[in-house]
C-alpha atoms as a PDB file:
ATOM      1  CA  MET A   1     118.232 101.924 100.774  1.00  0.00           C
ATOM      2  CA  ASP A   2     115.715 103.364  98.227  1.00  0.00           C
ATOM      3  CA  LYS A   3     113.297 105.749  99.268  1.00  0.00           C
ATOM      4  CA  LYS A   4     109.422 105.171  99.602  1.00  0.00           C
ATOM      5  CA  LYS A   5     107.827 106.504  96.885  1.00  0.00           C
ATOM      6  CA  ILE A   6     104.959 108.776  98.374  1.00  0.00           C
ATOM      7  CA  LEU A   7     101.569 110.434  95.614  1.00  0.00           C
ATOM      8  CA  LEU A   8     100.099 113.673  97.359  1.00  0.00           C
ATOM      9  CA  VAL A   9      96.446 114.681  96.439  1.00  0.00           C
ATOM     10  CA  ASP A  10      95.025 117.393  98.451  1.00  0.00           C
ATOM     11  CA  ASP A  11      92.701 120.171  96.389  1.00  0.00           C
ATOM     12  CA  ASP A  12      94.206 122.863  98.665  1.00  0.00           C
ATOM     13  CA  GLU A  13      97.787 124.369  97.151  1.00  0.00           C
ATOM     14  CA  LEU A  14      99.220 125.612 100.625  1.00  0.00           C
ATOM     15  CA  ILE A  15      98.107 121.944 102.377  1.00  0.00           C
ATOM     16  CA  THR A  16      99.724 120.311  99.447  1.00  0.00           C
ATOM     17  CA  MET A  17     103.089 122.648  99.541  1.00  0.00           C
ATOM     18  CA  SER A  18     103.230 122.293 103.673  1.00  0.00           C
ATOM     19  CA  LEU A  19     102.864 118.195 103.512  1.00  0.00           C
ATOM     20  CA  GLU A  20     105.423 118.400 100.832  1.00  0.00           C
ATOM     21  CA  MET A  21     108.046 119.918 103.385  1.00  0.00           C
ATOM     22  CA  ILE A  22     107.440 117.473 106.596  1.00  0.00           C
ATOM     23  CA  ILE A  23     107.581 114.410 104.069  1.00  0.00           C
ATOM     24  CA  SER A  24     110.999 115.432 102.535  1.00  0.00           C
ATOM     25  CA  ALA A  25     112.033 116.227 105.001  1.00  0.00           C
ATOM     26  CA  ASP A  26     112.508 112.419 106.132  1.00  0.00           C
ATOM     27  CA  SER A  27     114.430 110.700 104.018  1.00  0.00           C
ATOM     28  CA  ASP A  28     113.196 107.529 103.091  1.00  0.00           C
ATOM     29  CA  PHE A  29     110.091 109.551 101.345  1.00  0.00           C
ATOM     30  CA  GLU A  30     110.545 110.630  97.864  1.00  0.00           C
ATOM     31  CA  ILE A  31     107.750 112.621  96.712  1.00  0.00           C
ATOM     32  CA  ILE A  32     106.979 111.544  93.211  1.00  0.00           C
ATOM     33  CA  GLY A  33     103.946 113.024  92.382  1.00  0.00           C
ATOM     34  CA  LYS A  34     101.823 115.755  93.180  1.00  0.00           C
ATOM     35  CA  GLY A  35      97.582 115.892  92.436  1.00  0.00           C
ATOM     36  CA  SER A  36      94.631 117.982  93.352  1.00  0.00           C
ATOM     37  CA  SER A  37      91.574 115.605  92.949  1.00  0.00           C
ATOM     38  CA  GLY A  38      90.351 112.440  92.903  1.00  0.00           C
ATOM     39  CA  LYS A  39      90.709 111.798  88.979  1.00  0.00           C
ATOM     40  CA  GLU A  40      94.175 112.983  89.524  1.00  0.00           C
ATOM     41  CA  ALA A  41      94.524 110.639  92.106  1.00  0.00           C
ATOM     42  CA  VAL A  42      93.741 107.826  89.479  1.00  0.00           C
ATOM     43  CA  SER A  43      95.401 108.639  87.110  1.00  0.00           C
ATOM     44  CA  LEU A  44      98.716 109.600  88.531  1.00  0.00           C
ATOM     45  CA  TYR A  45      98.593 105.997  90.819  1.00  0.00           C
ATOM     46  CA  ASP A  46      98.123 103.786  87.666  1.00  0.00           C
ATOM     47  CA  GLU A  47     101.076 105.794  86.079  1.00  0.00           C
ATOM     48  CA  LEU A  48     103.098 106.291  88.975  1.00  0.00           C
ATOM     49  CA  LEU A  49     102.680 103.365  91.212  1.00  0.00           C
ATOM     50  CA  PRO A  50     103.637 104.536  94.459  1.00  0.00           C
ATOM     51  CA  ASN A  51     104.320 102.749  97.945  1.00  0.00           C
ATOM     52  CA  LEU A  52     101.823 105.289  99.735  1.00  0.00           C
ATOM     53  CA  LEU A  53      98.827 107.952  98.177  1.00  0.00           C
ATOM     54  CA  LEU A  54      97.769 110.066 101.168  1.00  0.00           C
ATOM     55  CA  MET A  55      95.282 111.986  99.818  1.00  0.00           C
ATOM     56  CA  ASP A  56      92.391 114.020 100.618  1.00  0.00           C
ATOM     57  CA  ILE A  57      88.418 113.502 100.893  1.00  0.00           C
ATOM     58  CA  ARG A  58      86.656 115.715 100.077  1.00  0.00           C
ATOM     59  CA  MET A  59      87.693 117.212  96.341  1.00  0.00           C
ATOM     60  CA  ALA A  60      85.809 118.256  93.418  1.00  0.00           C
ATOM     61  CA  ASP A  61      85.977 116.191  90.451  1.00  0.00           C
ATOM     62  CA  MET A  62      85.940 113.030  92.110  1.00  0.00           C
ATOM     63  CA  ASN A  63      86.206 112.822  96.445  1.00  0.00           C
ATOM     64  CA  GLY A  64      89.397 110.410  97.808  1.00  0.00           C
ATOM     65  CA  LEU A  65      87.095 108.260  99.044  1.00  0.00           C
ATOM     66  CA  GLU A  66      85.741 107.585  95.513  1.00  0.00           C
ATOM     67  CA  ALA A  67      88.758 107.404  94.143  1.00  0.00           C
ATOM     68  CA  ALA A  68      90.040 105.123  95.987  1.00  0.00           C
ATOM     69  CA  GLU A  69      87.574 102.704  95.329  1.00  0.00           C
ATOM     70  CA  ALA A  70      88.395 102.934  92.191  1.00  0.00           C
ATOM     71  CA  ILE A  71      92.449 102.425  92.825  1.00  0.00           C
ATOM     72  CA  LEU A  72      92.138  99.620  95.328  1.00  0.00           C
ATOM     73  CA  GLU A  73      89.778  98.002  92.500  1.00  0.00           C
ATOM     74  CA  LYS A  74      92.644  98.033  89.917  1.00  0.00           C
ATOM     75  CA  HIS A  75      95.561  97.915  92.786  1.00  0.00           C
ATOM     76  CA  LYS A  76      93.743  95.532  95.456  1.00  0.00           C
ATOM     77  CA  ASP A  77      97.602  95.982  97.547  1.00  0.00           C
ATOM     78  CA  ALA A  78      97.270  99.225  97.467  1.00  0.00           C
ATOM     79  CA  THR A  79      98.624 101.609 100.583  1.00  0.00           C
ATOM     80  CA  ILE A  80      95.989 104.571 100.551  1.00  0.00           C
ATOM     81  CA  LEU A  81      96.009 107.189 103.912  1.00  0.00           C
ATOM     82  CA  PHE A  82      93.497 109.406 104.540  1.00  0.00           C
ATOM     83  CA  LEU A  83      94.365 113.045 105.619  1.00  0.00           C
ATOM     84  CA  THR A  84      91.539 114.939 105.557  1.00  0.00           C
ATOM     85  CA  THR A  85      89.999 117.702 108.151  1.00  0.00           C
ATOM     86  CA  PHE A  86      86.291 116.153 108.127  1.00  0.00           C
ATOM     87  CA  SER A  87      86.262 113.241 111.054  1.00  0.00           C
ATOM     88  CA  ASP A  88      82.728 112.263 109.894  1.00  0.00           C
ATOM     89  CA  ASP A  89      81.617 109.204 110.941  1.00  0.00           C
ATOM     90  CA  GLU A  90      79.990 108.617 107.603  1.00  0.00           C
ATOM     91  CA  TYR A  91      83.651 109.296 105.715  1.00  0.00           C
ATOM     92  CA  ILE A  92      85.091 106.589 108.600  1.00  0.00           C
ATOM     93  CA  VAL A  93      82.907 103.960 107.990  1.00  0.00           C
ATOM     94  CA  LYS A  94      83.195 104.069 104.138  1.00  0.00           C
ATOM     95  CA  ALA A  95      86.650 104.196 104.518  1.00  0.00           C
ATOM     96  CA  LEU A  96      87.736 101.518 107.161  1.00  0.00           C
ATOM     97  CA  LYS A  97      85.349  99.141 104.694  1.00  0.00           C
ATOM     98  CA  LEU A  98      87.136  99.902 101.544  1.00  0.00           C
ATOM     99  CA  GLY A  99      90.097  98.700 102.829  1.00  0.00           C
ATOM    100  CA  VAL A 100      92.259 102.374 103.079  1.00  0.00           C
ATOM    101  CA  LYS A 101      95.179 102.129 105.626  1.00  0.00           C
ATOM    102  CA  GLY A 102      94.523 104.945 107.849  1.00  0.00           C
ATOM    103  CA  TYR A 103      92.377 107.738 108.563  1.00  0.00           C
ATOM    104  CA  LEU A 104      93.809 110.539 109.824  1.00  0.00           C
ATOM    105  CA  LEU A 105      93.127 114.271 110.883  1.00  0.00           C
ATOM    106  CA  LYS A 106      95.331 117.218 109.728  1.00  0.00           C
ATOM    107  CA  GLN A 107      95.648 118.407 112.995  1.00  0.00           C
ATOM    108  CA  ASP A 108      97.804 115.469 113.150  1.00  0.00           C
ATOM    109  CA  TYR A 109     100.579 116.262 110.843  1.00  0.00           C
ATOM    110  CA  LYS A 110     103.565 116.298 113.664  1.00  0.00           C
ATOM    111  CA  SER A 111     102.794 112.162 113.921  1.00  0.00           C
ATOM    112  CA  LEU A 112     102.501 112.147 109.783  1.00  0.00           C
ATOM    113  CA  PRO A 113     106.027 110.595 108.890  1.00  0.00           C
ATOM    114  CA  ALA A 114     105.685 107.811 111.574  1.00  0.00           C
ATOM    115  CA  ALA A 115     101.993 107.600 110.485  1.00  0.00           C
ATOM    116  CA  LEU A 116     103.497 106.827 106.520  1.00  0.00           C
ATOM    117  CA  HIS A 117     106.071 104.707 107.982  1.00  0.00           C
ATOM    118  CA  ALA A 118     103.248 102.557 109.776  1.00  0.00           C
ATOM    119  CA  ALA A 119     101.393 102.463 106.649  1.00  0.00           C
ATOM    120  CA  ILE A 120     103.993 101.249 104.581  1.00  0.00           C
ATOM    121  CA  ASP A 121     105.235  98.623 106.890  1.00  0.00           C
ATOM    122  CA  GLY A 122     101.039  97.131 106.859  1.00  0.00           C
ATOM    123  CA  GLN A 123      99.542  98.118 109.875  1.00  0.00           C
ATOM    124  CA  SER A 124      96.556 100.263 110.291  1.00  0.00           C
ATOM    125  CA  VAL A 125      96.659 103.897 111.359  1.00  0.00           C
ATOM    126  CA  PHE A 126      94.550 105.902 112.674  1.00  0.00           C
ATOM    127  CA  GLY A 127      94.404 109.554 114.553  1.00  0.00           C
ATOM    128  CA  GLY A 128      92.818 109.604 118.033  1.00  0.00           C
ATOM    129  CA  ALA A 129      89.802 111.505 117.220  1.00  0.00           C
ATOM    130  CA  VAL A 130      88.882 108.487 115.379  1.00  0.00           C
ATOM    131  CA  ILE A 131      89.514 105.770 117.466  1.00  0.00           C
ATOM    132  CA  ASN A 132      87.738 107.696 120.308  1.00  0.00           C
ATOM    133  CA  LYS A 133      84.829 107.785 117.653  1.00  0.00           C
ATOM    134  CA  LEU A 134      85.168 103.631 117.272  1.00  0.00           C
ATOM    135  CA  PRO A 135      83.211 102.579 119.882  1.00  0.00           C
ATOM    136  CA  THR A 136      80.204 104.873 118.494  1.00  0.00           C
ATOM    137  CA  LEU A 137      80.221 103.757 115.418  1.00  0.00           C
ATOM    138  CA  MET A 138      80.062 100.492 116.918  1.00  0.00           C
ATOM    139  CA  ASN A 139      76.714 100.547 118.306  1.00  0.00           C
ATOM    140  CA  SER A 140      75.476 102.597 115.120  1.00  0.00           C
ATOM    141  CA  ASP A 141      76.347  98.395 113.649  1.00  0.00           C
ATOM    142  CA  LYS A 142      75.183  96.406 116.446  1.00  0.00           C
ATOM    143  CA  GLN A 143      72.207  95.078 114.075  1.00  0.00           C
ATOM    144  CA  SER A 144      74.413  94.317 111.402  1.00  0.00           C
ATOM    145  CA  ASP A 145      75.563  90.917 109.996  1.00  0.00           C
ATOM    146  CA  PHE A 146      79.413  89.803 109.911  1.00  0.00           C
ATOM    147  CA  ASP A 147      80.058  86.374 109.159  1.00  0.00           C
ATOM    148  CA  TYR A 148      82.828  85.634 111.793  1.00  0.00           C
ATOM    149  CA  SER A 149      82.780  82.188 110.976  1.00  0.00           C
ATOM    150  CA  ALA A 150      84.419  82.672 107.463  1.00  0.00           C
ATOM    151  CA  PHE A 151      87.835  84.032 109.985  1.00  0.00           C
ATOM    152  CA  ASP A 152      87.791  80.817 111.923  1.00  0.00           C
ATOM    153  CA  ILE A 153      86.313  82.818 114.539  1.00  0.00           C
ATOM    154  CA  THR A 154      83.898  80.766 117.112  1.00  0.00           C
ATOM    155  CA  GLU A 155      80.514  82.195 118.686  1.00  0.00           C
ATOM    156  CA  LYS A 156      82.014  83.117 122.017  1.00  0.00           C
ATOM    157  CA  GLU A 157      85.453  84.709 120.617  1.00  0.00           C
ATOM    158  CA  TYR A 158      82.599  86.737 117.986  1.00  0.00           C
ATOM    159  CA  GLU A 159      80.693  87.825 121.170  1.00  0.00           C
ATOM    160  CA  VAL A 160      84.339  89.218 122.865  1.00  0.00           C
ATOM    161  CA  ILE A 161      84.823  90.997 119.651  1.00  0.00           C
ATOM    162  CA  GLN A 162      82.064  92.574 119.241  1.00  0.00           C
ATOM    163  CA  LEU A 163      82.471  94.022 123.138  1.00  0.00           C
ATOM    164  CA  VAL A 164      85.801  95.023 122.180  1.00  0.00           C
ATOM    165  CA  ALA A 165      85.066  96.987 119.570  1.00  0.00           C
ATOM    166  CA  GLU A 166      82.526  98.563 121.462  1.00  0.00           C
ATOM    167  CA  GLY A 167      84.794  99.862 123.770  1.00  0.00           C
ATOM    168  CA  PHE A 168      84.456  97.382 126.545  1.00  0.00           C
ATOM    169  CA  SER A 169      87.063  96.738 129.392  1.00  0.00           C
ATOM    170  CA  ASN A 170      88.291  93.183 129.735  1.00  0.00           C
ATOM    171  CA  LYS A 171      86.910  93.247 133.423  1.00  0.00           C
ATOM    172  CA  GLU A 172      83.587  94.704 131.889  1.00  0.00           C
ATOM    173  CA  ILE A 173      83.456  91.801 129.306  1.00  0.00           C
ATOM    174  CA  SER A 174      84.167  89.637 132.163  1.00  0.00           C
ATOM    175  CA  GLN A 175      80.927  90.519 133.704  1.00  0.00           C
ATOM    176  CA  LYS A 176      79.209  90.745 130.964  1.00  0.00           C
ATOM    177  CA  LEU A 177      79.662  87.069 129.759  1.00  0.00           C
ATOM    178  CA  PHE A 178      79.902  85.815 133.452  1.00  0.00           C
ATOM    179  CA  LEU A 179      83.791  84.241 132.397  1.00  0.00           C
ATOM    180  CA  SER A 180      87.078  85.077 134.401  1.00  0.00           C
ATOM    181  CA  GLU A 181      89.138  88.088 133.409  1.00  0.00           C
ATOM    182  CA  GLY A 182      91.814  85.702 132.829  1.00  0.00           C
ATOM    183  CA  THR A 183      89.709  83.972 130.000  1.00  0.00           C
ATOM    184  CA  VAL A 184      88.750  86.853 128.501  1.00  0.00           C
ATOM    185  CA  ARG A 185      92.059  87.687 128.378  1.00  0.00           C
ATOM    186  CA  ASN A 186      93.016  84.408 126.353  1.00  0.00           C
ATOM    187  CA  TYR A 187      90.086  84.751 124.483  1.00  0.00           C
ATOM    188  CA  LEU A 188      91.562  87.951 122.966  1.00  0.00           C
ATOM    189  CA  SER A 189      95.178  86.559 122.638  1.00  0.00           C
ATOM    190  CA  THR A 190      93.457  83.590 120.646  1.00  0.00           C
ATOM    191  CA  ILE A 191      91.724  86.206 118.364  1.00  0.00           C
ATOM    192  CA  LEU A 192      94.295  88.429 117.575  1.00  0.00           C
ATOM    193  CA  GLU A 193      96.422  85.291 116.848  1.00  0.00           C
ATOM    194  CA  LYS A 194      93.607  84.458 114.561  1.00  0.00           C
ATOM    195  CA  LEU A 195      93.340  87.769 112.653  1.00  0.00           C
ATOM    196  CA  ASN A 196      96.866  88.468 112.712  1.00  0.00           C
ATOM    197  CA  LEU A 197      96.003  91.451 114.738  1.00  0.00           C
ATOM    198  CA  ARG A 198      98.111  93.566 116.713  1.00  0.00           C
ATOM    199  CA  ASP A 199      95.757  95.077 119.548  1.00  0.00           C
ATOM    200  CA  ARG A 200      92.518  95.707 120.647  1.00  0.00           C
ATOM    201  CA  THR A 201      92.337  99.064 118.301  1.00  0.00           C
ATOM    202  CA  GLN A 202      93.191  96.674 115.289  1.00  0.00           C
ATOM    203  CA  LEU A 203      90.261  94.446 116.549  1.00  0.00           C
ATOM    204  CA  ALA A 204      87.869  97.161 116.300  1.00  0.00           C
ATOM    205  CA  ILE A 205      88.074  98.490 113.341  1.00  0.00           C
ATOM    206  CA  PHE A 206      89.147  94.836 111.761  1.00  0.00           C
ATOM    207  CA  TYR A 207      85.041  94.162 112.904  1.00  0.00           C
ATOM    208  CA  LEU A 208      84.175  97.300 111.803  1.00  0.00           C
ATOM    209  CA  LYS A 209      85.343  97.029 108.175  1.00  0.00           C
ATOM    210  CA  ASN A 210      83.819  93.713 108.111  1.00  0.00           C
ATOM    211  CA  VAL A 211      80.373  94.219 109.201  1.00  0.00           C
ATOM    212  CA  LYS A 212      77.970  94.231 106.616  1.00  0.00           C
ATOM    213  CA  LYS A 213      74.925  95.987 106.428  1.00  0.00           C
END
């Protein structure tokens, strides 16, 4: 089986060395390049076309968000995973809106190999600290415009999506919308099927990514 090609970009040499050791311990991965700035990330991605780019956000020259935007503009199917020290709300929102595959904090390094596998398989990967912030981020975007009709979502389904994204349980949603819990579960199953998503977390991330200011 061919190894999955990983490109590493981080401006801290010690972090890069540590990540290289962790990733190389998994026989499914091969690190094919390393960089230390956003500009290097863009040029190396064009040259190497990795299966996944693992990148920091705060870097000199060009930050990770700017680099990801440039890469995704040219390579729409690029798989990019941020690994950073900063769980800054603005960074998380920008990363999600760009369409990257995940946002992990460096203290979550033990889960990195599993996260790489999941991201390469097309799944969205977000650390616990980031997931815990989603309801707050949703509330800050409540007045934003989201064109749910473009996704074949009905008005009632959209109301369910909003409440899921804001962190409400099925029971709480049923009380707010005057529906039975069974009906809410049915709505949720239909929504996940329509959007080809696995769970509530992916649904919340989908909502935040598609909210328009």
